[in-house]
Amino acid sequence: MDFTLDEARALIPEVRTRAAEIVRLRADLAELSLELRDAGSSELGGRAEAKAYEALLNEQLTWFHEQGIEIKSIAPFLIDFPSTLDGRSVQLCWLEGETDLGWYHLSDLGFIGRRPLP
């Protein structure tokens, strides 16, 4: 699926909400896993809670896939919206912490070719 810029931008409020939850879950899971490994226990819970965090994280990530949004990285959370710009295959690129969709890169280049949208 190719997104128009307007279609992708319309999803940004939901993207930001879900990304904030992913960041929280990611941090909690990392902290819980570290404490379980190093101390054998954690205030965040035990193995069951770790599995619950993993399930919740997977649920959030599934939403992106269902929308046709490509997840490029979880830490930092980085996504691409497949698109076309001036007849070229591009990815509209959003990185956690950004408030709007303002970047793109050629599909063949990836993040290293990231440029501001015209």
PDB file of N, CA and C in Angstrom:
ATOM      1  N   MET A   1       0.842  -1.186   0.000  1.00  0.00           N
ATOM      2  CA  MET A   1       0.000   0.000   0.000  1.00  0.00           C
ATOM      3  C   MET A   1       0.879   1.239   0.000  1.00  0.00           C
ATOM      4  N   ASP A   2       0.588   2.149  -0.877  1.00  0.00           N
ATOM      5  CA  ASP A   2       1.253   3.447  -0.873  1.00  0.00           C
ATOM      6  C   ASP A   2       0.352   4.465  -0.179  1.00  0.00           C
ATOM      7  N   PHE A   3       0.948   5.251   0.705  1.00  0.00           N
ATOM      8  CA  PHE A   3       0.246   6.317   1.398  1.00  0.00           C
ATOM      9  C   PHE A   3       0.481   7.629   0.672  1.00  0.00           C
ATOM     10  N   THR A   4      -0.562   8.462   0.619  1.00  0.00           N
ATOM     11  CA  THR A   4      -0.334   9.843   0.241  1.00  0.00           C
ATOM     12  C   THR A   4       0.190  10.541   1.492  1.00  0.00           C
ATOM     13  N   LEU A   5       0.770  11.704   1.321  1.00  0.00           N
ATOM     14  CA  LEU A   5       1.261  12.455   2.469  1.00  0.00           C
ATOM     15  C   LEU A   5       0.110  12.780   3.417  1.00  0.00           C
ATOM     16  N   ASP A   6      -1.038  13.156   2.866  1.00  0.00           N
ATOM     17  CA  ASP A   6      -2.198  13.474   3.711  1.00  0.00           C
ATOM     18  C   ASP A   6      -2.682  12.249   4.486  1.00  0.00           C
ATOM     19  N   GLU A   7      -2.721  11.095   3.843  1.00  0.00           N
ATOM     20  CA  GLU A   7      -3.144   9.867   4.531  1.00  0.00           C
ATOM     21  C   GLU A   7      -2.197   9.531   5.683  1.00  0.00           C
ATOM     22  N   ALA A   8      -0.902   9.623   5.416  1.00  0.00           N
ATOM     23  CA  ALA A   8       0.080   9.318   6.456  1.00  0.00           C
ATOM     24  C   ALA A   8      -0.014  10.322   7.600  1.00  0.00           C
ATOM     25  N   ARG A   9      -0.112  11.588   7.271  1.00  0.00           N
ATOM     26  CA  ARG A   9      -0.204  12.624   8.317  1.00  0.00           C
ATOM     27  C   ARG A   9      -1.470  12.469   9.151  1.00  0.00           C
ATOM     28  N   ALA A  10      -2.552  12.003   8.547  1.00  0.00           N
ATOM     29  CA  ALA A  10      -3.799  11.796   9.292  1.00  0.00           C
ATOM     30  C   ALA A  10      -3.636  10.725  10.371  1.00  0.00           C
ATOM     31  N   LEU A  11      -2.707   9.817  10.176  1.00  0.00           N
ATOM     32  CA  LEU A  11      -2.465   8.748  11.156  1.00  0.00           C
ATOM     33  C   LEU A  11      -1.509   9.160  12.276  1.00  0.00           C
ATOM     34  N   ILE A  12      -0.828  10.284  12.137  1.00  0.00           N
ATOM     35  CA  ILE A  12       0.204  10.679  13.103  1.00  0.00           C
ATOM     36  C   ILE A  12      -0.328  10.817  14.539  1.00  0.00           C
ATOM     37  N   PRO A  13      -1.502  11.383  14.776  1.00  0.00           N
ATOM     38  CA  PRO A  13      -1.965  11.426  16.175  1.00  0.00           C
ATOM     39  C   PRO A  13      -2.070  10.029  16.814  1.00  0.00           C
ATOM     40  N   GLU A  14      -2.603   9.061  16.079  1.00  0.00           N
ATOM     41  CA  GLU A  14      -2.691   7.691  16.599  1.00  0.00           C
ATOM     42  C   GLU A  14      -1.301   7.063  16.695  1.00  0.00           C
ATOM     43  N   VAL A  15      -0.447   7.344  15.721  1.00  0.00           N
ATOM     44  CA  VAL A  15       0.935   6.859  15.758  1.00  0.00           C
ATOM     45  C   VAL A  15       1.628   7.355  17.021  1.00  0.00           C
ATOM     46  N   ARG A  16       1.480   8.631  17.327  1.00  0.00           N
ATOM     47  CA  ARG A  16       2.141   9.209  18.509  1.00  0.00           C
ATOM     48  C   ARG A  16       1.623   8.574  19.797  1.00  0.00           C
ATOM     49  N   THR A  17       0.313   8.357  19.885  1.00  0.00           N
ATOM     50  CA  THR A  17      -0.266   7.724  21.068  1.00  0.00           C
ATOM     51  C   THR A  17       0.271   6.313  21.235  1.00  0.00           C
ATOM     52  N   ARG A  18       0.256   5.548  20.163  1.00  0.00           N
ATOM     53  CA  ARG A  18       0.734   4.156  20.230  1.00  0.00           C
ATOM     54  C   ARG A  18       2.245   4.098  20.441  1.00  0.00           C
ATOM     55  N   ALA A  19       2.976   5.022  19.848  1.00  0.00           N
ATOM     56  CA  ALA A  19       4.429   5.054  20.042  1.00  0.00           C
ATOM     57  C   ALA A  19       4.767   5.333  21.503  1.00  0.00           C
ATOM     58  N   ALA A  20       4.029   6.234  22.137  1.00  0.00           N
ATOM     59  CA  ALA A  20       4.271   6.522  23.557  1.00  0.00           C
ATOM     60  C   ALA A  20       4.056   5.268  24.401  1.00  0.00           C
ATOM     61  N   GLU A  21       3.048   4.492  24.070  1.00  0.00           N
ATOM     62  CA  GLU A  21       2.794   3.242  24.800  1.00  0.00           C
ATOM     63  C   GLU A  21       3.901   2.232  24.522  1.00  0.00           C
ATOM     64  N   ILE A  22       4.374   2.165  23.284  1.00  0.00           N
ATOM     65  CA  ILE A  22       5.472   1.258  22.941  1.00  0.00           C
ATOM     66  C   ILE A  22       6.730   1.635  23.716  1.00  0.00           C
ATOM     67  N   VAL A  23       7.032   2.921  23.789  1.00  0.00           N
ATOM     68  CA  VAL A  23       8.210   3.380  24.530  1.00  0.00           C
ATOM     69  C   VAL A  23       8.094   2.989  25.999  1.00  0.00           C
ATOM     70  N   ARG A  24       6.901   3.166  26.582  1.00  0.00           N
ATOM     71  CA  ARG A  24       6.694   2.791  27.987  1.00  0.00           C
ATOM     72  C   ARG A  24       6.855   1.292  28.191  1.00  0.00           C
ATOM     73  N   LEU A  25       6.199   0.510  27.347  1.00  0.00           N
ATOM     74  CA  LEU A  25       6.281  -0.942  27.463  1.00  0.00           C
ATOM     75  C   LEU A  25       7.707  -1.437  27.250  1.00  0.00           C
ATOM     76  N   ARG A  26       8.369  -0.863  26.263  1.00  0.00           N
ATOM     77  CA  ARG A  26       9.755  -1.233  25.951  1.00  0.00           C
ATOM     78  C   ARG A  26      10.654  -0.994  27.153  1.00  0.00           C
ATOM     79  N   ALA A  27      10.513   0.163  27.800  1.00  0.00           N
ATOM     80  CA  ALA A  27      11.342   0.497  28.962  1.00  0.00           C
ATOM     81  C   ALA A  27      11.017  -0.407  30.150  1.00  0.00           C
ATOM     82  N   ASP A  28       9.724  -0.605  30.402  1.00  0.00           N
ATOM     83  CA  ASP A  28       9.333  -1.475  31.520  1.00  0.00           C
ATOM     84  C   ASP A  28       9.833  -2.899  31.310  1.00  0.00           C
ATOM     85  N   LEU A  29       9.686  -3.410  30.110  1.00  0.00           N
ATOM     86  CA  LEU A  29      10.145  -4.768  29.812  1.00  0.00           C
ATOM     87  C   LEU A  29      11.659  -4.880  29.953  1.00  0.00           C
ATOM     88  N   ALA A  30      12.384  -3.879  29.478  1.00  0.00           N
ATOM     89  CA  ALA A  30      13.849  -3.902  29.595  1.00  0.00           C
ATOM     90  C   ALA A  30      14.269  -3.885  31.063  1.00  0.00           C
ATOM     91  N   GLU A  31      13.639  -3.012  31.847  1.00  0.00           N
ATOM     92  CA  GLU A  31      13.974  -2.922  33.277  1.00  0.00           C
ATOM     93  C   GLU A  31      13.613  -4.214  34.006  1.00  0.00           C
ATOM     94  N   LEU A  32      12.425  -4.730  33.747  1.00  0.00           N
ATOM     95  CA  LEU A  32      11.993  -5.980  34.373  1.00  0.00           C
ATOM     96  C   LEU A  32      12.931  -7.124  34.014  1.00  0.00           C
ATOM     97  N   SER A  33      13.271  -7.240  32.748  1.00  0.00           N
ATOM     98  CA  SER A  33      14.164  -8.324  32.307  1.00  0.00           C
ATOM     99  C   SER A  33      15.538  -8.218  32.957  1.00  0.00           C
ATOM    100  N   LEU A  34      16.076  -7.005  33.031  1.00  0.00           N
ATOM    101  CA  LEU A  34      17.377  -6.805  33.665  1.00  0.00           C
ATOM    102  C   LEU A  34      17.338  -7.197  35.140  1.00  0.00           C
ATOM    103  N   GLU A  35      16.315  -6.725  35.852  1.00  0.00           N
ATOM    104  CA  GLU A  35      16.218  -7.027  37.278  1.00  0.00           C
ATOM    105  C   GLU A  35      15.995  -8.514  37.533  1.00  0.00           C
ATOM    106  N   LEU A  36      15.205  -9.165  36.710  1.00  0.00           N
ATOM    107  CA  LEU A  36      15.005 -10.607  36.861  1.00  0.00           C
ATOM    108  C   LEU A  36      16.303 -11.361  36.620  1.00  0.00           C
ATOM    109  N   ARG A  37      17.059 -10.903  35.622  1.00  0.00           N
ATOM    110  CA  ARG A  37      18.330 -11.556  35.308  1.00  0.00           C
ATOM    111  C   ARG A  37      19.355 -11.331  36.415  1.00  0.00           C
ATOM    112  N   ASP A  38      19.461 -10.088  36.880  1.00  0.00           N
ATOM    113  CA  ASP A  38      20.510  -9.744  37.839  1.00  0.00           C
ATOM    114  C   ASP A  38      20.155 -10.045  39.285  1.00  0.00           C
ATOM    115  N   ALA A  39      18.897  -9.812  39.667  1.00  0.00           N
ATOM    116  CA  ALA A  39      18.515  -9.967  41.068  1.00  0.00           C
ATOM    117  C   ALA A  39      17.535 -11.105  41.301  1.00  0.00           C
ATOM    118  N   GLY A  40      16.940 -11.601  40.236  1.00  0.00           N
ATOM    119  CA  GLY A  40      15.972 -12.681  40.386  1.00  0.00           C
ATOM    120  C   GLY A  40      14.574 -12.197  40.715  1.00  0.00           C
ATOM    121  N   SER A  41      14.423 -10.896  40.958  1.00  0.00           N
ATOM    122  CA  SER A  41      13.099 -10.350  41.252  1.00  0.00           C
ATOM    123  C   SER A  41      13.060  -8.885  40.829  1.00  0.00           C
ATOM    124  N   SER A  42      11.825  -8.353  40.758  1.00  0.00           N
ATOM    125  CA  SER A  42      11.641  -6.959  40.360  1.00  0.00           C
ATOM    126  C   SER A  42      10.336  -6.437  40.941  1.00  0.00           C
ATOM    127  N   GLU A  43      10.312  -5.154  41.235  1.00  0.00           N
ATOM    128  CA  GLU A  43       9.068  -4.525  41.673  1.00  0.00           C
ATOM    129  C   GLU A  43       8.031  -4.526  40.552  1.00  0.00           C
ATOM    130  N   LEU A  44       8.490  -4.660  39.313  1.00  0.00           N
ATOM    131  CA  LEU A  44       7.584  -4.687  38.176  1.00  0.00           C
ATOM    132  C   LEU A  44       6.926  -6.047  37.975  1.00  0.00           C
ATOM    133  N   GLY A  45       7.379  -7.072  38.695  1.00  0.00           N
ATOM    134  CA  GLY A  45       6.775  -8.387  38.583  1.00  0.00           C
ATOM    135  C   GLY A  45       7.791  -9.474  38.313  1.00  0.00           C
ATOM    136  N   GLY A  46       7.275 -10.550  37.769  1.00  0.00           N
ATOM    137  CA  GLY A  46       8.110 -11.712  37.482  1.00  0.00           C
ATOM    138  C   GLY A  46       7.990 -12.117  36.027  1.00  0.00           C
ATOM    139  N   ARG A  47       8.223 -13.400  35.777  1.00  0.00           N
ATOM    140  CA  ARG A  47       8.192 -13.906  34.393  1.00  0.00           C
ATOM    141  C   ARG A  47       6.814 -13.729  33.739  1.00  0.00           C
ATOM    142  N   ALA A  48       5.752 -13.905  34.516  1.00  0.00           N
ATOM    143  CA  ALA A  48       4.402 -13.746  33.961  1.00  0.00           C
ATOM    144  C   ALA A  48       4.183 -12.308  33.483  1.00  0.00           C
ATOM    145  N   GLU A  49       4.649 -11.354  34.262  1.00  0.00           N
ATOM    146  CA  GLU A  49       4.510  -9.951  33.872  1.00  0.00           C
ATOM    147  C   GLU A  49       5.364  -9.636  32.648  1.00  0.00           C
ATOM    148  N   ALA A  50       6.534 -10.239  32.580  1.00  0.00           N
ATOM    149  CA  ALA A  50       7.391 -10.047  31.399  1.00  0.00           C
ATOM    150  C   ALA A  50       6.669 -10.547  30.150  1.00  0.00           C
ATOM    151  N   LYS A  51       6.031 -11.706  30.261  1.00  0.00           N
ATOM    152  CA  LYS A  51       5.269 -12.243  29.119  1.00  0.00           C
ATOM    153  C   LYS A  51       4.101 -11.320  28.780  1.00  0.00           C
ATOM    154  N   ALA A  52       3.472 -10.752  29.793  1.00  0.00           N
ATOM    155  CA  ALA A  52       2.358  -9.822  29.556  1.00  0.00           C
ATOM    156  C   ALA A  52       2.856  -8.559  28.837  1.00  0.00           C
ATOM    157  N   TYR A  53       4.008  -8.030  29.265  1.00  0.00           N
ATOM    158  CA  TYR A  53       4.591  -6.865  28.577  1.00  0.00           C
ATOM    159  C   TYR A  53       4.886  -7.198  27.117  1.00  0.00           C
ATOM    160  N   GLU A  54       5.438  -8.369  26.874  1.00  0.00           N
ATOM    161  CA  GLU A  54       5.741  -8.787  25.507  1.00  0.00           C
ATOM    162  C   GLU A  54       4.467  -8.867  24.667  1.00  0.00           C
ATOM    163  N   ALA A  55       3.395  -9.411  25.248  1.00  0.00           N
ATOM    164  CA  ALA A  55       2.123  -9.528  24.525  1.00  0.00           C
ATOM    165  C   ALA A  55       1.544  -8.151  24.227  1.00  0.00           C
ATOM    166  N   LEU A  56       1.597  -7.255  25.203  1.00  0.00           N
ATOM    167  CA  LEU A  56       1.085  -5.900  24.988  1.00  0.00           C
ATOM    168  C   LEU A  56       1.894  -5.152  23.943  1.00  0.00           C
ATOM    169  N   LEU A  57       3.207  -5.327  23.992  1.00  0.00           N
ATOM    170  CA  LEU A  57       4.079  -4.695  23.003  1.00  0.00           C
ATOM    171  C   LEU A  57       3.757  -5.230  21.604  1.00  0.00           C
ATOM    172  N   ASN A  58       3.602  -6.529  21.498  1.00  0.00           N
ATOM    173  CA  ASN A  58       3.270  -7.146  20.212  1.00  0.00           C
ATOM    174  C   ASN A  58       1.921  -6.643  19.697  1.00  0.00           C
ATOM    175  N   GLU A  59       0.965  -6.470  20.587  1.00  0.00           N
ATOM    176  CA  GLU A  59      -0.351  -5.957  20.207  1.00  0.00           C
ATOM    177  C   GLU A  59      -0.244  -4.558  19.608  1.00  0.00           C
ATOM    178  N   GLN A  60       0.555  -3.712  20.231  1.00  0.00           N
ATOM    179  CA  GLN A  60       0.756  -2.357  19.703  1.00  0.00           C
ATOM    180  C   GLN A  60       1.440  -2.400  18.334  1.00  0.00           C
ATOM    181  N   LEU A  61       2.455  -3.224  18.203  1.00  0.00           N
ATOM    182  CA  LEU A  61       3.193  -3.319  16.940  1.00  0.00           C
ATOM    183  C   LEU A  61       2.319  -3.866  15.819  1.00  0.00           C
ATOM    184  N   THR A  62       1.420  -4.782  16.158  1.00  0.00           N
ATOM    185  CA  THR A  62       0.526  -5.372  15.164  1.00  0.00           C
ATOM    186  C   THR A  62      -0.338  -4.309  14.507  1.00  0.00           C
ATOM    187  N   TRP A  63      -0.776  -3.321  15.288  1.00  0.00           N
ATOM    188  CA  TRP A  63      -1.596  -2.253  14.720  1.00  0.00           C
ATOM    189  C   TRP A  63      -0.873  -1.584  13.544  1.00  0.00           C
ATOM    190  N   PHE A  64       0.415  -1.311  13.688  1.00  0.00           N
ATOM    191  CA  PHE A  64       1.186  -0.659  12.627  1.00  0.00           C
ATOM    192  C   PHE A  64       1.207  -1.519  11.368  1.00  0.00           C
ATOM    193  N   HIS A  65       1.453  -2.805  11.542  1.00  0.00           N
ATOM    194  CA  HIS A  65       1.467  -3.719  10.396  1.00  0.00           C
ATOM    195  C   HIS A  65       0.105  -3.741   9.706  1.00  0.00           C
ATOM    196  N   GLU A  66      -0.956  -3.742  10.503  1.00  0.00           N
ATOM    197  CA  GLU A  66      -2.306  -3.771   9.935  1.00  0.00           C
ATOM    198  C   GLU A  66      -2.618  -2.524   9.116  1.00  0.00           C
ATOM    199  N   GLN A  67      -2.003  -1.423   9.445  1.00  0.00           N
ATOM    200  CA  GLN A  67      -2.208  -0.172   8.706  1.00  0.00           C
ATOM    201  C   GLN A  67      -1.356  -0.104   7.444  1.00  0.00           C
ATOM    202  N   GLY A  68      -0.390  -1.010   7.296  1.00  0.00           N
ATOM    203  CA  GLY A  68       0.533  -0.966   6.166  1.00  0.00           C
ATOM    204  C   GLY A  68       1.774  -0.136   6.452  1.00  0.00           C
ATOM    205  N   ILE A  69       1.973   0.200   7.723  1.00  0.00           N
ATOM    206  CA  ILE A  69       3.135   0.983   8.150  1.00  0.00           C
ATOM    207  C   ILE A  69       4.268   0.008   8.466  1.00  0.00           C
ATOM    208  N   GLU A  70       5.457   0.323   7.981  1.00  0.00           N
ATOM    209  CA  GLU A  70       6.616  -0.548   8.200  1.00  0.00           C
ATOM    210  C   GLU A  70       7.382  -0.109   9.445  1.00  0.00           C
ATOM    211  N   ILE A  71       7.618  -1.048  10.335  1.00  0.00           N
ATOM    212  CA  ILE A  71       8.412  -0.775  11.541  1.00  0.00           C
ATOM    213  C   ILE A  71       9.862  -1.069  11.198  1.00  0.00           C
ATOM    214  N   LYS A  72      10.711  -0.060  11.347  1.00  0.00           N
ATOM    215  CA  LYS A  72      12.125  -0.207  11.028  1.00  0.00           C
ATOM    216  C   LYS A  72      12.971  -0.452  12.261  1.00  0.00           C
ATOM    217  N   SER A  73      12.527   0.058  13.412  1.00  0.00           N
ATOM    218  CA  SER A  73      13.287  -0.101  14.647  1.00  0.00           C
ATOM    219  C   SER A  73      12.334   0.094  15.818  1.00  0.00           C
ATOM    220  N   ILE A  74      12.615  -0.628  16.903  1.00  0.00           N
ATOM    221  CA  ILE A  74      11.820  -0.453  18.117  1.00  0.00           C
ATOM    222  C   ILE A  74      12.524   0.490  19.083  1.00  0.00           C
ATOM    223  N   ALA A  75      13.841   0.528  19.034  1.00  0.00           N
ATOM    224  CA  ALA A  75      14.600   1.407  19.939  1.00  0.00           C
ATOM    225  C   ALA A  75      15.736   2.061  19.157  1.00  0.00           C
ATOM    226  N   PRO A  76      15.579   3.290  18.717  1.00  0.00           N
ATOM    227  CA  PRO A  76      14.396   4.124  18.875  1.00  0.00           C
ATOM    228  C   PRO A  76      13.280   3.637  17.959  1.00  0.00           C
ATOM    229  N   PHE A  77      12.048   4.023  18.286  1.00  0.00           N
ATOM    230  CA  PHE A  77      10.909   3.605  17.485  1.00  0.00           C
ATOM    231  C   PHE A  77      10.904   4.413  16.188  1.00  0.00           C
ATOM    232  N   LEU A  78      11.036   3.707  15.086  1.00  0.00           N
ATOM    233  CA  LEU A  78      11.177   4.312  13.765  1.00  0.00           C
ATOM    234  C   LEU A  78      10.264   3.575  12.803  1.00  0.00           C
ATOM    235  N   ILE A  79       9.436   4.329  12.083  1.00  0.00           N
ATOM    236  CA  ILE A  79       8.505   3.729  11.130  1.00  0.00           C
ATOM    237  C   ILE A  79       8.583   4.431   9.785  1.00  0.00           C
ATOM    238  N   ASP A  80       8.160   3.699   8.760  1.00  0.00           N
ATOM    239  CA  ASP A  80       8.090   4.231   7.403  1.00  0.00           C
ATOM    240  C   ASP A  80       6.703   3.980   6.832  1.00  0.00           C
ATOM    241  N   PHE A  81       6.212   4.972   6.104  1.00  0.00           N
ATOM    242  CA  PHE A  81       4.993   4.854   5.324  1.00  0.00           C
ATOM    243  C   PHE A  81       5.413   4.758   3.863  1.00  0.00           C
ATOM    244  N   PRO A  82       5.219   3.623   3.200  1.00  0.00           N
ATOM    245  CA  PRO A  82       5.562   3.536   1.779  1.00  0.00           C
ATOM    246  C   PRO A  82       4.775   4.590   0.993  1.00  0.00           C
ATOM    247  N   SER A  83       5.432   5.246   0.059  1.00  0.00           N
ATOM    248  CA  SER A  83       4.796   6.320  -0.694  1.00  0.00           C
ATOM    249  C   SER A  83       5.512   6.525  -2.017  1.00  0.00           C
ATOM    250  N   THR A  84       5.030   7.497  -2.763  1.00  0.00           N
ATOM    251  CA  THR A  84       5.654   7.909  -4.016  1.00  0.00           C
ATOM    252  C   THR A  84       5.768   9.422  -3.997  1.00  0.00           C
ATOM    253  N   LEU A  85       6.919   9.926  -4.366  1.00  0.00           N
ATOM    254  CA  LEU A  85       7.146  11.371  -4.405  1.00  0.00           C
ATOM    255  C   LEU A  85       7.839  11.693  -5.722  1.00  0.00           C
ATOM    256  N   ASP A  86       7.222  12.531  -6.517  1.00  0.00           N
ATOM    257  CA  ASP A  86       7.761  12.899  -7.831  1.00  0.00           C
ATOM    258  C   ASP A  86       8.078  11.662  -8.672  1.00  0.00           C
ATOM    259  N   GLY A  87       7.190  10.668  -8.598  1.00  0.00           N
ATOM    260  CA  GLY A  87       7.350   9.454  -9.386  1.00  0.00           C
ATOM    261  C   GLY A  87       8.376   8.470  -8.865  1.00  0.00           C
ATOM    262  N   ARG A  88       8.968   8.753  -7.707  1.00  0.00           N
ATOM    263  CA  ARG A  88       9.989   7.859  -7.129  1.00  0.00           C
ATOM    264  C   ARG A  88       9.440   7.167  -5.895  1.00  0.00           C
ATOM    265  N   SER A  89       9.858   5.927  -5.707  1.00  0.00           N
ATOM    266  CA  SER A  89       9.469   5.165  -4.527  1.00  0.00           C
ATOM    267  C   SER A  89      10.213   5.716  -3.307  1.00  0.00           C
ATOM    268  N   VAL A  90       9.448   6.165  -2.320  1.00  0.00           N
ATOM    269  CA  VAL A  90      10.031   6.735  -1.108  1.00  0.00           C
ATOM    270  C   VAL A  90       9.352   6.141   0.115  1.00  0.00           C
ATOM    271  N   GLN A  91       9.947   6.430   1.242  1.00  0.00           N
ATOM    272  CA  GLN A  91       9.373   6.092   2.536  1.00  0.00           C
ATOM    273  C   GLN A  91       9.208   7.402   3.300  1.00  0.00           C
ATOM    274  N   LEU A  92       7.981   7.695   3.716  1.00  0.00           N
ATOM    275  CA  LEU A  92       7.742   8.827   4.600  1.00  0.00           C
ATOM    276  C   LEU A  92       8.145   8.342   5.986  1.00  0.00           C
ATOM    277  N   CYS A  93       9.052   9.034   6.602  1.00  0.00           N
ATOM    278  CA  CYS A  93       9.792   8.516   7.753  1.00  0.00           C
ATOM    279  C   CYS A  93       9.423   9.278   9.024  1.00  0.00           C
ATOM    280  N   TRP A  94       9.085   8.541  10.093  1.00  0.00           N
ATOM    281  CA  TRP A  94       8.739   9.149  11.377  1.00  0.00           C
ATOM    282  C   TRP A  94       9.547   8.463  12.474  1.00  0.00           C
ATOM    283  N   LEU A  95      10.125   9.277  13.357  1.00  0.00           N
ATOM    284  CA  LEU A  95      10.964   8.805  14.454  1.00  0.00           C
ATOM    285  C   LEU A  95      10.343   9.244  15.770  1.00  0.00           C
ATOM    286  N   GLU A  96      10.375   8.361  16.760  1.00  0.00           N
ATOM    287  CA  GLU A  96       9.783   8.708  18.061  1.00  0.00           C
ATOM    288  C   GLU A  96      10.258  10.075  18.522  1.00  0.00           C
ATOM    289  N   GLY A  97       9.319  10.818  19.087  1.00  0.00           N
ATOM    290  CA  GLY A  97       9.621  12.157  19.572  1.00  0.00           C
ATOM    291  C   GLY A  97       9.257  13.255  18.589  1.00  0.00           C
ATOM    292  N   GLU A  98       9.113  12.898  17.315  1.00  0.00           N
ATOM    293  CA  GLU A  98       8.724  13.904  16.334  1.00  0.00           C
ATOM    294  C   GLU A  98       7.229  14.185  16.466  1.00  0.00           C
ATOM    295  N   THR A  99       6.853  15.438  16.243  1.00  0.00           N
ATOM    296  CA  THR A  99       5.444  15.805  16.398  1.00  0.00           C
ATOM    297  C   THR A  99       4.657  15.685  15.103  1.00  0.00           C
ATOM    298  N   ASP A 100       5.346  15.710  13.969  1.00  0.00           N
ATOM    299  CA  ASP A 100       4.679  15.643  12.677  1.00  0.00           C
ATOM    300  C   ASP A 100       5.485  14.731  11.754  1.00  0.00           C
ATOM    301  N   LEU A 101       4.925  14.483  10.612  1.00  0.00           N
ATOM    302  CA  LEU A 101       5.606  13.703   9.588  1.00  0.00           C
ATOM    303  C   LEU A 101       6.291  14.692   8.660  1.00  0.00           C
ATOM    304  N   GLY A 102       7.599  14.838   8.795  1.00  0.00           N
ATOM    305  CA  GLY A 102       8.310  15.864   8.049  1.00  0.00           C
ATOM    306  C   GLY A 102       9.506  15.367   7.267  1.00  0.00           C
ATOM    307  N   TRP A 103       9.686  14.052   7.171  1.00  0.00           N
ATOM    308  CA  TRP A 103      10.889  13.506   6.539  1.00  0.00           C
ATOM    309  C   TRP A 103      10.534  12.376   5.582  1.00  0.00           C
ATOM    310  N   TYR A 104      11.440  12.149   4.644  1.00  0.00           N
ATOM    311  CA  TYR A 104      11.312  11.021   3.731  1.00  0.00           C
ATOM    312  C   TYR A 104      12.711  10.552   3.342  1.00  0.00           C
ATOM    313  N   HIS A 105      12.769   9.373   2.757  1.00  0.00           N
ATOM    314  CA  HIS A 105      14.012   8.909   2.141  1.00  0.00           C
ATOM    315  C   HIS A 105      13.648   7.995   0.979  1.00  0.00           C
ATOM    316  N   LEU A 106      14.538   7.914   0.016  1.00  0.00           N
ATOM    317  CA  LEU A 106      14.325   6.976  -1.081  1.00  0.00           C
ATOM    318  C   LEU A 106      14.249   5.570  -0.515  1.00  0.00           C
ATOM    319  N   SER A 107      13.379   4.771  -1.086  1.00  0.00           N
ATOM    320  CA  SER A 107      13.186   3.414  -0.575  1.00  0.00           C
ATOM    321  C   SER A 107      14.476   2.602  -0.597  1.00  0.00           C
ATOM    322  N   ASP A 108      15.323   2.861  -1.562  1.00  0.00           N
ATOM    323  CA  ASP A 108      16.572   2.105  -1.682  1.00  0.00           C
ATOM    324  C   ASP A 108      17.663   2.573  -0.728  1.00  0.00           C
ATOM    325  N   LEU A 109      17.493   3.728  -0.101  1.00  0.00           N
ATOM    326  CA  LEU A 109      18.551   4.274   0.748  1.00  0.00           C
ATOM    327  C   LEU A 109      18.354   4.018   2.237  1.00  0.00           C
ATOM    328  N   GLY A 110      17.156   4.098   2.705  1.00  0.00           N
ATOM    329  CA  GLY A 110      16.925   3.972   4.138  1.00  0.00           C
ATOM    330  C   GLY A 110      17.246   5.255   4.877  1.00  0.00           C
ATOM    331  N   PHE A 111      17.352   5.145   6.195  1.00  0.00           N
ATOM    332  CA  PHE A 111      17.470   6.293   7.087  1.00  0.00           C
ATOM    333  C   PHE A 111      18.643   7.191   6.736  1.00  0.00           C
ATOM    334  N   ILE A 112      19.727   6.617   6.228  1.00  0.00           N
ATOM    335  CA  ILE A 112      20.917   7.420   5.907  1.00  0.00           C
ATOM    336  C   ILE A 112      20.611   8.471   4.846  1.00  0.00           C
ATOM    337  N   GLY A 113      19.582   8.236   4.034  1.00  0.00           N
ATOM    338  CA  GLY A 113      19.206   9.183   2.996  1.00  0.00           C
ATOM    339  C   GLY A 113      18.051  10.089   3.400  1.00  0.00           C
ATOM    340  N   ARG A 114      17.774  10.190   4.665  1.00  0.00           N
ATOM    341  CA  ARG A 114      16.630  10.950   5.186  1.00  0.00           C
ATOM    342  C   ARG A 114      16.765  12.450   4.857  1.00  0.00           C
ATOM    343  N   ARG A 115      15.659  12.990   4.323  1.00  0.00           N
ATOM    344  CA  ARG A 115      15.616  14.405   3.945  1.00  0.00           C
ATOM    345  C   ARG A 115      14.293  15.015   4.413  1.00  0.00           C
ATOM    346  N   PRO A 116      14.285  16.337   4.631  1.00  0.00           N
ATOM    347  CA  PRO A 116      13.015  16.995   4.949  1.00  0.00           C
ATOM    348  C   PRO A 116      12.069  16.921   3.756  1.00  0.00           C
ATOM    349  N   LEU A 117      10.786  16.751   4.019  1.00  0.00           N
ATOM    350  CA  LEU A 117       9.810  16.784   2.940  1.00  0.00           C
ATOM    351  C   LEU A 117       9.782  18.159   2.297  1.00  0.00           C
ATOM    352  N   PRO A 118       9.614  18.201   0.990  1.00  0.00           N
ATOM    353  CA  PRO A 118       9.573  19.510   0.314  1.00  0.00           C
ATOM    354  C   PRO A 118       8.304  20.274   0.688  1.00  0.00           C
TER     355      PRO A 118
END
